[in-house]
Amino acid sequence: MTENSLVNEKSILSNYPDVLNVEQVREILGIGRNLAYQLLLTKQISAKKLGHNWIIAKSNLIKFILSEDNNARNGNV
């Protein structure tokens, strides 16, 4: 991951808060509800569960997006 690519990803997500919810993650990734929860439950996206709600640090989502071994990119979750 280069510094430029990280800056680019941060710029694209600048309209989002530093801590995201599942709905925002779905919107950013363009995925459905089931896949979003599957990514969280399998810890492919690092997140915390508070009560009934998941919280996802934007930096963790960026790491997931930029990861080279991102199985979801290939349709394998």
N, C-alpha and C. Protein backbone atom coordinates (compact mmCIF):
# COMPACT_ATOMS: atom_id res chain seq x y z
N MET A 1 0.86 -1.17 0.00
CA MET A 1 0.00 0.00 0.00
C MET A 1 0.90 1.22 0.00
N THR A 2 0.70 2.09 -0.98
CA THR A 2 1.50 3.30 -1.05
C THR A 2 0.80 4.41 -0.31
N GLU A 3 1.59 5.41 0.02
CA GLU A 3 1.01 6.56 0.74
C GLU A 3 -0.02 7.25 -0.13
N ASN A 4 0.23 7.34 -1.43
CA ASN A 4 -0.72 7.99 -2.34
C ASN A 4 -2.05 7.25 -2.40
N SER A 5 -2.01 5.91 -2.43
CA SER A 5 -3.26 5.17 -2.49
C SER A 5 -4.05 5.33 -1.20
N LEU A 6 -3.37 5.40 -0.07
CA LEU A 6 -4.05 5.59 1.20
C LEU A 6 -4.69 6.97 1.26
N VAL A 7 -3.99 7.98 0.79
CA VAL A 7 -4.54 9.34 0.75
C VAL A 7 -5.75 9.38 -0.16
N ASN A 8 -5.67 8.69 -1.31
CA ASN A 8 -6.79 8.62 -2.24
C ASN A 8 -8.01 8.00 -1.59
N GLU A 9 -7.83 6.87 -0.91
CA GLU A 9 -8.94 6.21 -0.24
C GLU A 9 -9.54 7.11 0.83
N LYS A 10 -8.70 7.80 1.59
CA LYS A 10 -9.20 8.69 2.63
C LYS A 10 -9.99 9.84 2.03
N SER A 11 -9.57 10.35 0.88
CA SER A 11 -10.27 11.45 0.23
C SER A 11 -11.65 11.00 -0.23
N ILE A 12 -11.73 9.80 -0.79
CA ILE A 12 -13.00 9.27 -1.27
C ILE A 12 -13.98 9.10 -0.11
N LEU A 13 -13.47 8.74 1.05
CA LEU A 13 -14.33 8.49 2.20
C LEU A 13 -14.43 9.68 3.15
N SER A 14 -13.97 10.84 2.71
CA SER A 14 -13.93 12.00 3.61
C SER A 14 -15.32 12.46 4.05
N ASN A 15 -16.36 12.09 3.31
CA ASN A 15 -17.72 12.47 3.70
C ASN A 15 -18.29 11.58 4.79
N TYR A 16 -17.56 10.54 5.14
CA TYR A 16 -18.04 9.61 6.17
C TYR A 16 -17.33 9.86 7.49
N PRO A 17 -18.00 9.56 8.61
CA PRO A 17 -17.36 9.74 9.93
C PRO A 17 -16.23 8.73 10.14
N ASP A 18 -15.41 8.95 11.15
CA ASP A 18 -14.28 8.05 11.45
C ASP A 18 -14.76 6.69 11.94
N VAL A 19 -15.96 6.64 12.50
CA VAL A 19 -16.54 5.38 12.96
C VAL A 19 -17.83 5.16 12.17
N LEU A 20 -17.88 4.02 11.49
CA LEU A 20 -18.98 3.71 10.59
C LEU A 20 -19.93 2.68 11.18
N ASN A 21 -21.14 2.64 10.66
CA ASN A 21 -22.07 1.57 11.01
C ASN A 21 -22.20 0.63 9.81
N VAL A 22 -22.94 -0.44 9.96
CA VAL A 22 -23.05 -1.44 8.90
C VAL A 22 -23.67 -0.84 7.64
N GLU A 23 -24.66 -0.01 7.80
CA GLU A 23 -25.32 0.61 6.66
C GLU A 23 -24.34 1.44 5.83
N GLN A 24 -23.46 2.17 6.49
CA GLN A 24 -22.46 2.97 5.78
C GLN A 24 -21.44 2.08 5.07
N VAL A 25 -21.04 0.99 5.72
CA VAL A 25 -20.11 0.05 5.10
C VAL A 25 -20.75 -0.55 3.85
N ARG A 26 -22.01 -0.90 3.93
CA ARG A 26 -22.73 -1.44 2.77
C ARG A 26 -22.74 -0.44 1.63
N GLU A 27 -23.01 0.81 1.95
CA GLU A 27 -23.07 1.86 0.95
C GLU A 27 -21.71 2.06 0.28
N ILE A 28 -20.66 2.11 1.08
CA ILE A 28 -19.31 2.33 0.56
C ILE A 28 -18.88 1.18 -0.34
N LEU A 29 -19.13 -0.06 0.10
CA LEU A 29 -18.69 -1.23 -0.66
C LEU A 29 -19.67 -1.66 -1.75
N GLY A 30 -20.89 -1.15 -1.67
CA GLY A 30 -21.90 -1.53 -2.64
C GLY A 30 -22.31 -2.98 -2.50
N ILE A 31 -22.48 -3.42 -1.26
CA ILE A 31 -22.82 -4.82 -0.98
C ILE A 31 -24.12 -4.91 -0.20
N GLY A 32 -24.66 -6.10 -0.13
CA GLY A 32 -25.90 -6.34 0.59
C GLY A 32 -25.68 -6.56 2.08
N ARG A 33 -26.78 -6.66 2.77
CA ARG A 33 -26.77 -6.82 4.23
C ARG A 33 -26.08 -8.11 4.65
N ASN A 34 -26.42 -9.23 4.00
CA ASN A 34 -25.84 -10.52 4.40
C ASN A 34 -24.32 -10.54 4.24
N LEU A 35 -23.83 -10.05 3.12
CA LEU A 35 -22.39 -10.03 2.88
C LEU A 35 -21.69 -9.11 3.89
N ALA A 36 -22.30 -7.98 4.18
CA ALA A 36 -21.70 -7.05 5.15
C ALA A 36 -21.53 -7.75 6.51
N TYR A 37 -22.57 -8.39 6.98
CA TYR A 37 -22.47 -9.08 8.28
C TYR A 37 -21.51 -10.27 8.21
N GLN A 38 -21.46 -10.94 7.08
CA GLN A 38 -20.53 -12.06 6.94
C GLN A 38 -19.08 -11.57 7.02
N LEU A 39 -18.78 -10.43 6.41
CA LEU A 39 -17.43 -9.86 6.48
C LEU A 39 -17.06 -9.49 7.92
N LEU A 40 -18.04 -9.02 8.67
CA LEU A 40 -17.78 -8.66 10.07
C LEU A 40 -17.64 -9.91 10.94
N LEU A 41 -18.53 -10.86 10.77
CA LEU A 41 -18.51 -12.07 11.60
C LEU A 41 -17.28 -12.93 11.35
N THR A 42 -16.76 -12.91 10.13
CA THR A 42 -15.55 -13.68 9.80
C THR A 42 -14.28 -12.87 10.03
N LYS A 43 -14.47 -11.66 10.56
CA LYS A 43 -13.36 -10.77 10.92
C LYS A 43 -12.50 -10.37 9.72
N GLN A 44 -13.08 -10.43 8.53
CA GLN A 44 -12.37 -9.90 7.36
C GLN A 44 -12.30 -8.38 7.44
N ILE A 45 -13.32 -7.79 8.05
CA ILE A 45 -13.29 -6.37 8.41
C ILE A 45 -13.30 -6.32 9.92
N SER A 46 -12.27 -5.73 10.49
CA SER A 46 -12.16 -5.64 11.94
C SER A 46 -13.20 -4.64 12.46
N ALA A 47 -13.97 -5.09 13.45
CA ALA A 47 -15.05 -4.26 13.99
C ALA A 47 -15.34 -4.68 15.43
N LYS A 48 -16.13 -3.87 16.10
CA LYS A 48 -16.56 -4.16 17.47
C LYS A 48 -18.09 -4.16 17.49
N LYS A 49 -18.63 -4.99 18.36
CA LYS A 49 -20.07 -5.01 18.55
C LYS A 49 -20.40 -4.39 19.89
N LEU A 50 -21.24 -3.37 19.87
CA LEU A 50 -21.70 -2.71 21.09
C LEU A 50 -23.19 -2.94 21.20
N GLY A 51 -23.55 -3.80 22.12
CA GLY A 51 -24.97 -4.16 22.23
C GLY A 51 -25.39 -4.87 20.96
N HIS A 52 -26.37 -4.32 20.26
CA HIS A 52 -26.85 -4.90 19.01
C HIS A 52 -26.22 -4.25 17.79
N ASN A 53 -25.37 -3.27 18.01
CA ASN A 53 -24.81 -2.49 16.90
C ASN A 53 -23.34 -2.79 16.67
N TRP A 54 -22.95 -2.83 15.41
CA TRP A 54 -21.55 -2.97 15.03
C TRP A 54 -20.98 -1.58 14.76
N ILE A 55 -19.74 -1.37 15.18
CA ILE A 55 -19.03 -0.14 14.84
C ILE A 55 -17.73 -0.54 14.13
N ILE A 56 -17.44 0.18 13.07
CA ILE A 56 -16.30 -0.15 12.23
C ILE A 56 -15.48 1.12 12.07
N ALA A 57 -14.21 1.07 12.47
CA ALA A 57 -13.33 2.22 12.26
C ALA A 57 -13.10 2.38 10.76
N LYS A 58 -13.20 3.60 10.28
CA LYS A 58 -12.98 3.85 8.86
C LYS A 58 -11.61 3.34 8.42
N SER A 59 -10.62 3.46 9.30
CA SER A 59 -9.28 2.98 8.97
C SER A 59 -9.27 1.47 8.74
N ASN A 60 -10.11 0.72 9.48
CA ASN A 60 -10.21 -0.73 9.28
C ASN A 60 -10.86 -1.06 7.94
N LEU A 61 -11.83 -0.27 7.54
CA LEU A 61 -12.46 -0.49 6.24
C LEU A 61 -11.47 -0.19 5.12
N ILE A 62 -10.68 0.86 5.29
CA ILE A 62 -9.66 1.19 4.28
C ILE A 62 -8.65 0.06 4.17
N LYS A 63 -8.23 -0.49 5.31
CA LYS A 63 -7.30 -1.63 5.29
C LYS A 63 -7.90 -2.80 4.52
N PHE A 64 -9.18 -3.06 4.75
CA PHE A 64 -9.85 -4.15 4.05
C PHE A 64 -9.88 -3.88 2.54
N ILE A 65 -10.23 -2.67 2.17
CA ILE A 65 -10.32 -2.32 0.75
C ILE A 65 -8.97 -2.46 0.06
N LEU A 66 -7.91 -2.06 0.75
CA LEU A 66 -6.59 -2.07 0.15
C LEU A 66 -5.86 -3.41 0.27
N SER A 67 -6.41 -4.33 1.05
CA SER A 67 -5.71 -5.60 1.26
C SER A 67 -5.63 -6.39 -0.04
N GLU A 68 -4.45 -6.93 -0.30
CA GLU A 68 -4.23 -7.68 -1.53
C GLU A 68 -4.90 -9.04 -1.49
N ASP A 69 -5.06 -9.61 -0.31
CA ASP A 69 -5.69 -10.92 -0.20
C ASP A 69 -7.16 -10.81 0.10
N ASN A 70 -7.79 -9.75 -0.36
CA ASN A 70 -9.19 -9.48 -0.12
C ASN A 70 -10.04 -10.49 -0.90
N ASN A 71 -10.52 -11.52 -0.22
CA ASN A 71 -11.28 -12.56 -0.88
C ASN A 71 -12.62 -12.07 -1.40
N ALA A 72 -13.21 -11.07 -0.77
CA ALA A 72 -14.52 -10.58 -1.21
C ALA A 72 -14.41 -9.97 -2.60
N ARG A 73 -13.26 -9.42 -2.93
CA ARG A 73 -13.06 -8.82 -4.23
C ARG A 73 -13.21 -9.89 -5.32
N ASN A 74 -12.84 -11.12 -4.99
CA ASN A 74 -12.93 -12.22 -5.93
C ASN A 74 -14.23 -13.00 -5.80
N GLY A 75 -15.12 -12.53 -4.94
CA GLY A 75 -16.39 -13.21 -4.75
C GLY A 75 -16.32 -14.39 -3.81
N ASN A 76 -15.21 -14.54 -3.10
CA ASN A 76 -15.04 -15.66 -2.17
C ASN A 76 -14.99 -15.13 -0.75
N VAL A 77 -16.07 -15.26 -0.04
CA VAL A 77 -16.08 -14.79 1.34
C VAL A 77 -16.07 -15.97 2.26
